[in-house]
């Protein structure tokens, strides 16, 4: 989490909290080849953007969805490592995105609806299939 990530002065984080957030993110999210490091804001934004896409109609295949869910997996890994005050501040945002995802998806048959990585066992309600011209006879 960058200092710019704090939303208002009344919930401004201490230097120690920023350091703890950075350490948690570094331990869980790995970037390579000069890629920009993740921030807590960027992970939450990625998760929200994926949920937006799922709500609108996701054109997917299982490996693509699995890859796209990596932002939620990272949030699950980093969340217990965050300072308790940071979790308390950001938990309503994460919960809201999770609720939207549950509404936009259905449970995978014979898979748990709750528990660890519950989001990986859900399927988008609305799927959009992109047909290439080769399948349309062009």
C-alpha atoms as a PDB file:
ATOM      1  CA  UNK A   1       0.000   0.000   0.000  1.00  0.00           C
ATOM      2  CA  UNK A   2       1.389   3.367  -0.978  1.00  0.00           C
ATOM      3  CA  UNK A   3       0.891   6.504   1.094  1.00  0.00           C
ATOM      4  CA  UNK A   4      -1.337   7.721  -1.727  1.00  0.00           C
ATOM      5  CA  UNK A   5      -3.581   4.709  -1.070  1.00  0.00           C
ATOM      6  CA  UNK A   6      -4.955   6.201   2.142  1.00  0.00           C
ATOM      7  CA  UNK A   7      -8.461   7.471   1.466  1.00  0.00           C
ATOM      8  CA  UNK A   8      -8.803  10.209   4.068  1.00  0.00           C
ATOM      9  CA  UNK A   9      -6.689  11.814   6.748  1.00  0.00           C
ATOM     10  CA  UNK A  10      -8.851  10.321   9.497  1.00  0.00           C
ATOM     11  CA  UNK A  11      -7.852   6.827   8.452  1.00  0.00           C
ATOM     12  CA  UNK A  12      -4.277   7.639   7.497  1.00  0.00           C
ATOM     13  CA  UNK A  13      -1.950   4.759   8.213  1.00  0.00           C
ATOM     14  CA  UNK A  14       1.223   4.985  10.217  1.00  0.00           C
ATOM     15  CA  UNK A  15       4.630   4.381   8.676  1.00  0.00           C
ATOM     16  CA  UNK A  16       4.741   1.050  10.499  1.00  0.00           C
ATOM     17  CA  UNK A  17       1.391   0.025   9.014  1.00  0.00           C
ATOM     18  CA  UNK A  18       2.561   0.951   5.502  1.00  0.00           C
ATOM     19  CA  UNK A  19       5.723  -1.085   6.029  1.00  0.00           C
ATOM     20  CA  UNK A  20       3.693  -4.053   7.270  1.00  0.00           C
ATOM     21  CA  UNK A  21       1.371  -3.845   4.250  1.00  0.00           C
ATOM     22  CA  UNK A  22       4.332  -3.673   1.866  1.00  0.00           C
ATOM     23  CA  UNK A  23       5.976  -6.654   3.564  1.00  0.00           C
ATOM     24  CA  UNK A  24       2.761  -8.677   3.372  1.00  0.00           C
ATOM     25  CA  UNK A  25       2.297  -7.866  -0.312  1.00  0.00           C
ATOM     26  CA  UNK A  26       5.922  -8.673  -1.117  1.00  0.00           C
ATOM     27  CA  UNK A  27       5.640 -12.019   0.618  1.00  0.00           C
ATOM     28  CA  UNK A  28       2.485 -13.043  -1.217  1.00  0.00           C
ATOM     29  CA  UNK A  29       2.577 -11.348  -4.615  1.00  0.00           C
ATOM     30  CA  UNK A  30       5.582 -11.903  -6.774  1.00  0.00           C
ATOM     31  CA  UNK A  31       6.384  -9.789  -9.758  1.00  0.00           C
ATOM     32  CA  UNK A  32       9.099 -10.583 -12.192  1.00  0.00           C
ATOM     33  CA  UNK A  33      10.940  -9.036 -15.073  1.00  0.00           C
ATOM     34  CA  UNK A  34      10.509  -5.459 -13.945  1.00  0.00           C
ATOM     35  CA  UNK A  35       6.753  -5.732 -13.474  1.00  0.00           C
ATOM     36  CA  UNK A  36       5.209  -3.163 -11.178  1.00  0.00           C
ATOM     37  CA  UNK A  37       4.673  -4.401  -7.638  1.00  0.00           C
ATOM     38  CA  UNK A  38       1.089  -4.884  -6.503  1.00  0.00           C
ATOM     39  CA  UNK A  39      -0.507  -2.588  -3.985  1.00  0.00           C
ATOM     40  CA  UNK A  40      -3.522  -3.415  -1.887  1.00  0.00           C
ATOM     41  CA  UNK A  41      -5.484  -0.896  -3.945  1.00  0.00           C
ATOM     42  CA  UNK A  42      -4.408  -2.503  -7.217  1.00  0.00           C
ATOM     43  CA  UNK A  43      -5.450  -5.981  -6.057  1.00  0.00           C
ATOM     44  CA  UNK A  44      -8.846  -4.736  -4.908  1.00  0.00           C
ATOM     45  CA  UNK A  45      -9.257  -2.815  -8.181  1.00  0.00           C
ATOM     46  CA  UNK A  46      -8.380  -5.931 -10.221  1.00  0.00           C
ATOM     47  CA  UNK A  47     -10.878  -8.003  -8.238  1.00  0.00           C
ATOM     48  CA  UNK A  48     -13.591  -5.364  -8.715  1.00  0.00           C
ATOM     49  CA  UNK A  49     -12.861  -5.092 -12.450  1.00  0.00           C
ATOM     50  CA  UNK A  50     -13.098  -8.866 -12.863  1.00  0.00           C
ATOM     51  CA  UNK A  51     -16.425  -8.863 -11.028  1.00  0.00           C
ATOM     52  CA  UNK A  52     -17.619  -6.067 -13.336  1.00  0.00           C
ATOM     53  CA  UNK A  53     -16.754  -8.276 -16.297  1.00  0.00           C
ATOM     54  CA  UNK A  54     -18.466 -11.322 -14.786  1.00  0.00           C
ATOM     55  CA  UNK A  55     -21.592  -9.277 -14.058  1.00  0.00           C
ATOM     56  CA  UNK A  56     -21.748  -8.022 -17.646  1.00  0.00           C
ATOM     57  CA  UNK A  57     -21.110 -11.417 -19.235  1.00  0.00           C
ATOM     58  CA  UNK A  58     -17.762 -13.167 -19.153  1.00  0.00           C
ATOM     59  CA  UNK A  59     -16.323 -14.629 -22.341  1.00  0.00           C
ATOM     60  CA  UNK A  60     -14.100 -17.227 -20.803  1.00  0.00           C
ATOM     61  CA  UNK A  61     -12.513 -20.576 -20.707  1.00  0.00           C
ATOM     62  CA  UNK A  62     -11.593 -22.322 -17.464  1.00  0.00           C
ATOM     63  CA  UNK A  63      -7.841 -21.558 -17.634  1.00  0.00           C
ATOM     64  CA  UNK A  64      -8.539 -17.886 -18.372  1.00  0.00           C
ATOM     65  CA  UNK A  65     -10.929 -17.562 -15.441  1.00  0.00           C
ATOM     66  CA  UNK A  66      -8.447 -19.348 -13.197  1.00  0.00           C
ATOM     67  CA  UNK A  67      -5.778 -16.850 -14.231  1.00  0.00           C
ATOM     68  CA  UNK A  68      -8.116 -13.896 -13.743  1.00  0.00           C
ATOM     69  CA  UNK A  69      -8.923 -15.090 -10.222  1.00  0.00           C
ATOM     70  CA  UNK A  70      -5.256 -14.751  -9.242  1.00  0.00           C
ATOM     71  CA  UNK A  71      -6.006 -11.281  -7.843  1.00  0.00           C
ATOM     72  CA  UNK A  72      -8.547 -12.777  -5.404  1.00  0.00           C
ATOM     73  CA  UNK A  73      -6.111 -15.560  -4.532  1.00  0.00           C
ATOM     74  CA  UNK A  74      -3.483 -12.925  -3.738  1.00  0.00           C
ATOM     75  CA  UNK A  75      -5.954 -11.026  -1.560  1.00  0.00           C
ATOM     76  CA  UNK A  76      -6.713 -14.228   0.344  1.00  0.00           C
ATOM     77  CA  UNK A  77      -3.013 -14.804   0.919  1.00  0.00           C
ATOM     78  CA  UNK A  78      -2.188 -11.267   1.985  1.00  0.00           C
ATOM     79  CA  UNK A  79      -5.288 -10.551   4.084  1.00  0.00           C
ATOM     80  CA  UNK A  80      -4.255 -12.429   7.260  1.00  0.00           C
ATOM     81  CA  UNK A  81      -0.806 -10.795   7.099  1.00  0.00           C
ATOM     82  CA  UNK A  82      -2.164  -7.241   7.076  1.00  0.00           C
ATOM     83  CA  UNK A  83      -2.268  -5.153  10.236  1.00  0.00           C
ATOM     84  CA  UNK A  84      -5.647  -5.553  11.934  1.00  0.00           C
ATOM     85  CA  UNK A  85      -6.527  -1.879  11.475  1.00  0.00           C
ATOM     86  CA  UNK A  86      -5.880  -2.104   7.728  1.00  0.00           C
ATOM     87  CA  UNK A  87      -8.091  -5.194   7.502  1.00  0.00           C
ATOM     88  CA  UNK A  88     -10.828  -3.425   9.452  1.00  0.00           C
ATOM     89  CA  UNK A  89     -10.675  -0.389   7.171  1.00  0.00           C
ATOM     90  CA  UNK A  90     -10.658  -2.373   3.919  1.00  0.00           C
ATOM     91  CA  UNK A  91     -12.870  -5.364   4.897  1.00  0.00           C
ATOM     92  CA  UNK A  92     -16.170  -3.694   3.874  1.00  0.00           C
ATOM     93  CA  UNK A  93     -14.760  -3.063   0.397  1.00  0.00           C
ATOM     94  CA  UNK A  94     -13.600  -6.660  -0.015  1.00  0.00           C
ATOM     95  CA  UNK A  95     -16.875  -8.003   1.363  1.00  0.00           C
ATOM     96  CA  UNK A  96     -18.857  -5.853  -1.074  1.00  0.00           C
ATOM     97  CA  UNK A  97     -16.897  -7.130  -4.076  1.00  0.00           C
ATOM     98  CA  UNK A  98     -17.250 -10.716  -2.838  1.00  0.00           C
ATOM     99  CA  UNK A  99     -21.037 -10.299  -2.510  1.00  0.00           C
ATOM    100  CA  UNK A 100     -21.221  -9.005  -6.079  1.00  0.00           C
ATOM    101  CA  UNK A 101     -19.187 -11.997  -7.311  1.00  0.00           C
ATOM    102  CA  UNK A 102     -21.465 -14.437  -5.517  1.00  0.00           C
ATOM    103  CA  UNK A 103     -24.519 -12.798  -7.101  1.00  0.00           C
ATOM    104  CA  UNK A 104     -22.951 -12.900 -10.574  1.00  0.00           C
ATOM    105  CA  UNK A 105     -21.953 -16.569 -10.314  1.00  0.00           C
ATOM    106  CA  UNK A 106     -23.414 -19.944  -9.429  1.00  0.00           C
ATOM    107  CA  UNK A 107     -21.779 -22.734  -7.430  1.00  0.00           C
ATOM    108  CA  UNK A 108     -19.869 -25.386  -9.326  1.00  0.00           C
ATOM    109  CA  UNK A 109     -21.754 -28.688  -8.920  1.00  0.00           C
ATOM    110  CA  UNK A 110     -20.572 -30.832  -6.012  1.00  0.00           C
ATOM    111  CA  UNK A 111     -18.075 -28.215  -4.793  1.00  0.00           C
ATOM    112  CA  UNK A 112     -18.088 -26.317  -1.508  1.00  0.00           C
ATOM    113  CA  UNK A 113     -19.880 -22.978  -1.517  1.00  0.00           C
ATOM    114  CA  UNK A 114     -17.927 -21.717   1.493  1.00  0.00           C
ATOM    115  CA  UNK A 115     -14.452 -22.105   2.890  1.00  0.00           C
ATOM    116  CA  UNK A 116     -11.008 -21.610   1.480  1.00  0.00           C
ATOM    117  CA  UNK A 117     -10.922 -20.238  -2.058  1.00  0.00           C
ATOM    118  CA  UNK A 118     -14.699 -20.492  -2.476  1.00  0.00           C
ATOM    119  CA  UNK A 119     -14.470 -18.143  -5.486  1.00  0.00           C
ATOM    120  CA  UNK A 120     -12.634 -20.801  -7.516  1.00  0.00           C
ATOM    121  CA  UNK A 121     -15.661 -23.105  -7.325  1.00  0.00           C
ATOM    122  CA  UNK A 122     -18.133 -20.714  -8.900  1.00  0.00           C
ATOM    123  CA  UNK A 123     -19.149 -20.235 -12.530  1.00  0.00           C
ATOM    124  CA  UNK A 124     -20.303 -16.954 -14.110  1.00  0.00           C
ATOM    125  CA  UNK A 125     -24.080 -16.809 -14.627  1.00  0.00           C
ATOM    126  CA  UNK A 126     -23.728 -14.873 -17.874  1.00  0.00           C
ATOM    127  CA  UNK A 127     -21.308 -16.178 -20.449  1.00  0.00           C
ATOM    128  CA  UNK A 128     -20.570 -14.498 -23.743  1.00  0.00           C
ATOM    129  CA  UNK A 129     -19.075 -16.619 -26.438  1.00  0.00           C
ATOM    130  CA  UNK A 130     -16.918 -14.857 -28.945  1.00  0.00           C
ATOM    131  CA  UNK A 131     -17.153 -16.627 -32.282  1.00  0.00           C
ATOM    132  CA  UNK A 132     -14.281 -16.185 -34.634  1.00  0.00           C
ATOM    133  CA  UNK A 133     -14.913 -15.818 -38.379  1.00  0.00           C
ATOM    134  CA  UNK A 134     -13.412 -19.263 -38.949  1.00  0.00           C
ATOM    135  CA  UNK A 135     -16.373 -20.802 -37.065  1.00  0.00           C
ATOM    136  CA  UNK A 136     -18.869 -18.647 -38.940  1.00  0.00           C
ATOM    137  CA  UNK A 137     -17.797 -20.024 -42.300  1.00  0.00           C
ATOM    138  CA  UNK A 138     -15.942 -16.890 -43.421  1.00  0.00           C
END
